[in-house]
Structures are given as structure tokens and as C-alpha cells.
């Protein structure tokens, strides 16, 4: 496999075509593509953390990771995402996965399970809002530049 640069528009198109339960993202810090035999087989979109308490200026988040099923592409992209973030000076990279997804690709890339994430809910008594995202329980995985 080979790492290639990819812009957000192309990464989002790949996500819309192949991702099981997520759509495109609005913004990012950078995106990475993975190719095998010259064909794009996966993308990672890396941005600021969604949770305010994690957005400390030193932490990034893999907000989308999507492949066409190519073997080892997920692990490859998680590793490439972390290396790129650390090369830019960030010290921590995290991502959330559904609890029914095992996390094998993350563990294979050296990421650690941090714990169960609270169910996302944007609705507040003073600001009623209908949640757009699914409320599936998630795990938070993370890697740091000292790992």
C-alpha cells in the first residue's frame, strides 16, 4: 500500500460511496488516501476533536476512516494518520468507533482503548435540537506521540 495526499472533496466522495453509517464531513485539518496497485482503496479524514474538552490544540481526531474492504487498509490508514499528525506537532490522536466494531485495526496500529464514550446528544433544555447522528454507544481509542 502507498499513502497519497487527497483533498476533502475527494475523501468525502469516497466516504459517501463506501461508508456503512456515516456521511461526509464539513471540515478537516488534512486527509490521507491509501492506494493499492495505483487504485484508491481507503481514506482517512483528520480534524479537530468533536468534544470540546478534547480540543486542546494538541489533539486531533480521525473523524472518518473508510475503505473498500482492502485487507489491512484500516490499520494502514490509522498508522499513517497518527504519523502525519505527530509530524505536524500534535501529541495525541483519537477516534470513536461503534461498540459493535471490535477495534482490531486500531489495536494493530498501536492505539489504546481509552474507554466508553458518552452517547452524543446535542439536545439541551434551553436549546432543543433534534440529533442528526445516530446515538449508538461508542468506544474512544487514542494514540500519543510517546506511545
C-alpha atoms as a PDB file:
ATOM      1  CA  UNK A   1       0.000   0.000   0.000  1.00  0.00           C
ATOM      2  CA  UNK A   2       1.022   3.575  -0.562  1.00  0.00           C
ATOM      3  CA  UNK A   3      -0.017   6.801   1.155  1.00  0.00           C
ATOM      4  CA  UNK A   4      -1.234   9.592  -1.122  1.00  0.00           C
ATOM      5  CA  UNK A   5      -2.492  13.104  -0.449  1.00  0.00           C
ATOM      6  CA  UNK A   6      -6.196  13.609  -1.032  1.00  0.00           C
ATOM      7  CA  UNK A   7      -8.364  16.699  -0.749  1.00  0.00           C
ATOM      8  CA  UNK A   8     -11.502  16.832   1.384  1.00  0.00           C
ATOM      9  CA  UNK A   9     -13.870  16.763  -1.571  1.00  0.00           C
ATOM     10  CA  UNK A  10     -12.397  13.527  -2.947  1.00  0.00           C
ATOM     11  CA  UNK A  11     -12.209  11.960   0.525  1.00  0.00           C
ATOM     12  CA  UNK A  12     -15.859  12.823   1.172  1.00  0.00           C
ATOM     13  CA  UNK A  13     -16.874  11.316  -2.195  1.00  0.00           C
ATOM     14  CA  UNK A  14     -15.141   8.069  -1.197  1.00  0.00           C
ATOM     15  CA  UNK A  15     -16.908   8.108   2.189  1.00  0.00           C
ATOM     16  CA  UNK A  16     -20.299   8.663   0.564  1.00  0.00           C
ATOM     17  CA  UNK A  17     -19.653   5.732  -1.766  1.00  0.00           C
ATOM     18  CA  UNK A  18     -18.329   3.187   0.759  1.00  0.00           C
ATOM     19  CA  UNK A  19     -19.043   4.083   4.409  1.00  0.00           C
ATOM     20  CA  UNK A  20     -21.646   1.954   6.173  1.00  0.00           C
ATOM     21  CA  UNK A  21     -23.142   4.537   8.504  1.00  0.00           C
ATOM     22  CA  UNK A  22     -21.576   7.998   8.097  1.00  0.00           C
ATOM     23  CA  UNK A  23     -21.730  10.741   5.513  1.00  0.00           C
ATOM     24  CA  UNK A  24     -19.345  13.500   4.579  1.00  0.00           C
ATOM     25  CA  UNK A  25     -17.672  15.935   6.977  1.00  0.00           C
ATOM     26  CA  UNK A  26     -17.699  19.716   6.735  1.00  0.00           C
ATOM     27  CA  UNK A  27     -14.050  20.445   7.504  1.00  0.00           C
ATOM     28  CA  UNK A  28     -10.706  18.856   8.268  1.00  0.00           C
ATOM     29  CA  UNK A  29      -7.080  19.563   9.093  1.00  0.00           C
ATOM     30  CA  UNK A  30      -5.892  17.060   6.439  1.00  0.00           C
ATOM     31  CA  UNK A  31      -6.917  13.872   4.663  1.00  0.00           C
ATOM     32  CA  UNK A  32      -4.915  10.829   3.594  1.00  0.00           C
ATOM     33  CA  UNK A  33      -5.601   8.300   0.870  1.00  0.00           C
ATOM     34  CA  UNK A  34      -4.302   4.743   0.618  1.00  0.00           C
ATOM     35  CA  UNK A  35      -3.722   3.111  -2.742  1.00  0.00           C
ATOM     36  CA  UNK A  36      -3.017  -0.458  -3.699  1.00  0.00           C
ATOM     37  CA  UNK A  37      -1.701  -1.114  -7.187  1.00  0.00           C
ATOM     38  CA  UNK A  38      -2.450   2.528  -8.027  1.00  0.00           C
ATOM     39  CA  UNK A  39      -6.144   2.311  -7.066  1.00  0.00           C
ATOM     40  CA  UNK A  40      -7.586   4.291  -4.154  1.00  0.00           C
ATOM     41  CA  UNK A  41      -8.710   1.750  -1.554  1.00  0.00           C
ATOM     42  CA  UNK A  42      -9.271   3.906   1.535  1.00  0.00           C
ATOM     43  CA  UNK A  43      -9.317   7.382   3.045  1.00  0.00           C
ATOM     44  CA  UNK A  44      -8.837   8.935   6.457  1.00  0.00           C
ATOM     45  CA  UNK A  45     -10.166  12.391   7.308  1.00  0.00           C
ATOM     46  CA  UNK A  46      -8.456  14.007  10.286  1.00  0.00           C
ATOM     47  CA  UNK A  47      -9.791  17.095  12.036  1.00  0.00           C
ATOM     48  CA  UNK A  48     -10.281  18.838  15.346  1.00  0.00           C
ATOM     49  CA  UNK A  49     -11.886  16.774  18.101  1.00  0.00           C
ATOM     50  CA  UNK A  50     -15.670  16.862  18.204  1.00  0.00           C
ATOM     51  CA  UNK A  51     -15.780  17.014  22.031  1.00  0.00           C
ATOM     52  CA  UNK A  52     -14.869  20.465  23.355  1.00  0.00           C
ATOM     53  CA  UNK A  53     -12.920  19.106  26.316  1.00  0.00           C
ATOM     54  CA  UNK A  54     -10.587  17.206  23.936  1.00  0.00           C
ATOM     55  CA  UNK A  55      -9.983  20.221  21.673  1.00  0.00           C
ATOM     56  CA  UNK A  56      -6.840  21.461  23.427  1.00  0.00           C
ATOM     57  CA  UNK A  57      -4.813  22.497  20.367  1.00  0.00           C
ATOM     58  CA  UNK A  58      -2.553  19.433  20.636  1.00  0.00           C
ATOM     59  CA  UNK A  59      -5.116  16.739  19.832  1.00  0.00           C
ATOM     60  CA  UNK A  60      -6.601  15.671  16.505  1.00  0.00           C
ATOM     61  CA  UNK A  61      -9.305  13.161  15.693  1.00  0.00           C
ATOM     62  CA  UNK A  62      -9.832  10.717  12.854  1.00  0.00           C
ATOM     63  CA  UNK A  63     -13.368  11.839  12.046  1.00  0.00           C
ATOM     64  CA  UNK A  64     -13.819   9.394   9.151  1.00  0.00           C
ATOM     65  CA  UNK A  65     -11.941   6.286   8.112  1.00  0.00           C
ATOM     66  CA  UNK A  66     -13.308   4.347   5.181  1.00  0.00           C
ATOM     67  CA  UNK A  67     -12.041   1.587   2.909  1.00  0.00           C
ATOM     68  CA  UNK A  68     -13.386  -0.502   0.075  1.00  0.00           C
ATOM     69  CA  UNK A  69     -12.604  -3.649   2.076  1.00  0.00           C
ATOM     70  CA  UNK A  70      -8.971  -3.978   1.053  1.00  0.00           C
ATOM     71  CA  UNK A  71      -7.153  -6.130   3.608  1.00  0.00           C
ATOM     72  CA  UNK A  72      -5.153  -4.142   6.220  1.00  0.00           C
ATOM     73  CA  UNK A  73      -6.160  -0.776   4.747  1.00  0.00           C
ATOM     74  CA  UNK A  74      -7.790   0.379   8.015  1.00  0.00           C
ATOM     75  CA  UNK A  75      -4.685  -0.351  10.103  1.00  0.00           C
ATOM     76  CA  UNK A  76      -2.511   1.250   7.449  1.00  0.00           C
ATOM     77  CA  UNK A  77      -4.580   4.457   7.464  1.00  0.00           C
ATOM     78  CA  UNK A  78      -4.772   4.688  11.277  1.00  0.00           C
ATOM     79  CA  UNK A  79      -0.983   4.421  11.443  1.00  0.00           C
ATOM     80  CA  UNK A  80      -0.449   6.942   8.644  1.00  0.00           C
ATOM     81  CA  UNK A  81      -2.901   9.379  10.263  1.00  0.00           C
ATOM     82  CA  UNK A  82      -1.059   9.298  13.575  1.00  0.00           C
ATOM     83  CA  UNK A  83       2.394   9.654  11.983  1.00  0.00           C
ATOM     84  CA  UNK A  84       1.227  12.641   9.922  1.00  0.00           C
ATOM     85  CA  UNK A  85      -0.378  14.328  12.944  1.00  0.00           C
ATOM     86  CA  UNK A  86       2.762  13.821  15.046  1.00  0.00           C
ATOM     87  CA  UNK A  87       4.951  15.160  12.222  1.00  0.00           C
ATOM     88  CA  UNK A  88       2.825  18.341  12.333  1.00  0.00           C
ATOM     89  CA  UNK A  89       3.474  18.707  16.079  1.00  0.00           C
ATOM     90  CA  UNK A  90       0.256  17.273  17.511  1.00  0.00           C
ATOM     91  CA  UNK A  91       0.745  14.991  20.520  1.00  0.00           C
ATOM     92  CA  UNK A  92      -2.461  12.942  20.571  1.00  0.00           C
ATOM     93  CA  UNK A  93      -4.849  11.444  18.026  1.00  0.00           C
ATOM     94  CA  UNK A  94      -8.176   9.868  18.890  1.00  0.00           C
ATOM     95  CA  UNK A  95     -11.156   8.292  17.195  1.00  0.00           C
ATOM     96  CA  UNK A  96     -14.532   6.882  18.143  1.00  0.00           C
ATOM     97  CA  UNK A  97     -15.896   3.560  16.909  1.00  0.00           C
ATOM     98  CA  UNK A  98     -19.236   1.851  17.465  1.00  0.00           C
ATOM     99  CA  UNK A  99     -19.039  -0.646  20.305  1.00  0.00           C
ATOM    100  CA  UNK A 100     -20.045  -3.479  17.968  1.00  0.00           C
ATOM    101  CA  UNK A 101     -16.906  -2.816  15.886  1.00  0.00           C
ATOM    102  CA  UNK A 102     -14.072  -4.722  17.512  1.00  0.00           C
ATOM    103  CA  UNK A 103     -11.249  -2.212  17.124  1.00  0.00           C
ATOM    104  CA  UNK A 104      -8.763  -4.784  15.798  1.00  0.00           C
ATOM    105  CA  UNK A 105      -7.351  -2.333  13.228  1.00  0.00           C
ATOM    106  CA  UNK A 106      -6.776   0.263  15.931  1.00  0.00           C
ATOM    107  CA  UNK A 107      -5.073  -2.203  18.269  1.00  0.00           C
ATOM    108  CA  UNK A 108      -2.944  -3.478  15.377  1.00  0.00           C
ATOM    109  CA  UNK A 109      -1.815   0.118  14.799  1.00  0.00           C
ATOM    110  CA  UNK A 110      -0.815   0.537  18.449  1.00  0.00           C
ATOM    111  CA  UNK A 111      -3.832   2.595  19.557  1.00  0.00           C
ATOM    112  CA  UNK A 112      -5.242   2.077  23.066  1.00  0.00           C
ATOM    113  CA  UNK A 113      -8.836   1.769  24.209  1.00  0.00           C
ATOM    114  CA  UNK A 114      -9.459   4.740  26.494  1.00  0.00           C
ATOM    115  CA  UNK A 115     -12.995   3.837  27.448  1.00  0.00           C
ATOM    116  CA  UNK A 116     -16.649   4.119  26.648  1.00  0.00           C
ATOM    117  CA  UNK A 117     -17.755   7.446  25.250  1.00  0.00           C
ATOM    118  CA  UNK A 118     -20.916   9.136  26.393  1.00  0.00           C
ATOM    119  CA  UNK A 119     -23.755   8.918  23.902  1.00  0.00           C
ATOM    120  CA  UNK A 120     -23.693  12.041  21.771  1.00  0.00           C
ATOM    121  CA  UNK A 121     -26.679  14.253  22.426  1.00  0.00           C
ATOM    122  CA  UNK A 122     -26.878  17.845  21.241  1.00  0.00           C
ATOM    123  CA  UNK A 123     -30.336  18.451  22.737  1.00  0.00           C
ATOM    124  CA  UNK A 124     -30.495  20.760  25.784  1.00  0.00           C
ATOM    125  CA  UNK A 125     -33.460  22.107  27.762  1.00  0.00           C
ATOM    126  CA  UNK A 126     -32.505  25.669  26.844  1.00  0.00           C
ATOM    127  CA  UNK A 127     -31.703  24.696  23.241  1.00  0.00           C
ATOM    128  CA  UNK A 128     -33.961  21.905  21.951  1.00  0.00           C
ATOM    129  CA  UNK A 129     -32.413  20.202  18.965  1.00  0.00           C
ATOM    130  CA  UNK A 130     -33.061  17.010  17.055  1.00  0.00           C
ATOM    131  CA  UNK A 131     -29.950  14.839  16.879  1.00  0.00           C
ATOM    132  CA  UNK A 132     -28.781  14.169  13.330  1.00  0.00           C
ATOM    133  CA  UNK A 133     -26.248  11.498  14.252  1.00  0.00           C
ATOM    134  CA  UNK A 134     -27.099   8.032  15.444  1.00  0.00           C
ATOM    135  CA  UNK A 135     -26.843   7.558  19.187  1.00  0.00           C
ATOM    136  CA  UNK A 136     -25.029   4.205  19.070  1.00  0.00           C
ATOM    137  CA  UNK A 137     -22.718   3.620  22.077  1.00  0.00           C
ATOM    138  CA  UNK A 138     -19.066   4.208  21.160  1.00  0.00           C
ATOM    139  CA  UNK A 139     -15.546   3.466  22.333  1.00  0.00           C
ATOM    140  CA  UNK A 140     -12.769   6.059  22.330  1.00  0.00           C
ATOM    141  CA  UNK A 141      -9.353   4.897  21.096  1.00  0.00           C
ATOM    142  CA  UNK A 142      -6.239   7.034  21.231  1.00  0.00           C
ATOM    143  CA  UNK A 143      -2.541   7.095  20.464  1.00  0.00           C
ATOM    144  CA  UNK A 144       0.053   9.586  21.638  1.00  0.00           C
ATOM    145  CA  UNK A 145       3.389  10.704  20.268  1.00  0.00           C
ATOM    146  CA  UNK A 146       5.110   8.984  23.197  1.00  0.00           C
ATOM    147  CA  UNK A 147       3.495   5.571  22.549  1.00  0.00           C
END
